[in-house]
Amino acid sequence: METAPYTILGACNPPLAHRALSAEPEIGLLLPCNVIVYVDAAGQTVVSAIDPAAQFKLVERADLEPLAGEVGERLRRVLAALPILVLRDGRVVEQGRHHELLAAGGDYRRMCG
């Protein structure tokens, strides 16, 4: 099977994962450990991550909300700090930090919804 380039970046923080698993073993199914990067059908690079707070709500454990918030904040800081390149047909069409690209209103903002 042939697919477009697709990468899963392991972004787990072992101490935070351990805290979550110690409190709720089933949370392992929902750990927000991955950030995915792929090229969509239009040739654009997409970077995605799931909001940990939304995931952790599935286990209905209010005591895990602070942990989900901490994980989410760390993930947001990483995504905000990383320089992002938006590619189209193998060429860089936009580059900058997450907040900068959102403010620019270009392809990246449209990809983020």
Foldseek 3Di string as FASTA:
>chain_A
DDDFDKDKDFQDDVVLVVVVCVVPVVCVVVDQGTWMWTQDPQRKIAIDTDQQQVSVVVVVDPVCNVSSVVVNVVVVVVQQPDWDFIDGPRDGPDIDGPVVVCVVVDPRVVSVD
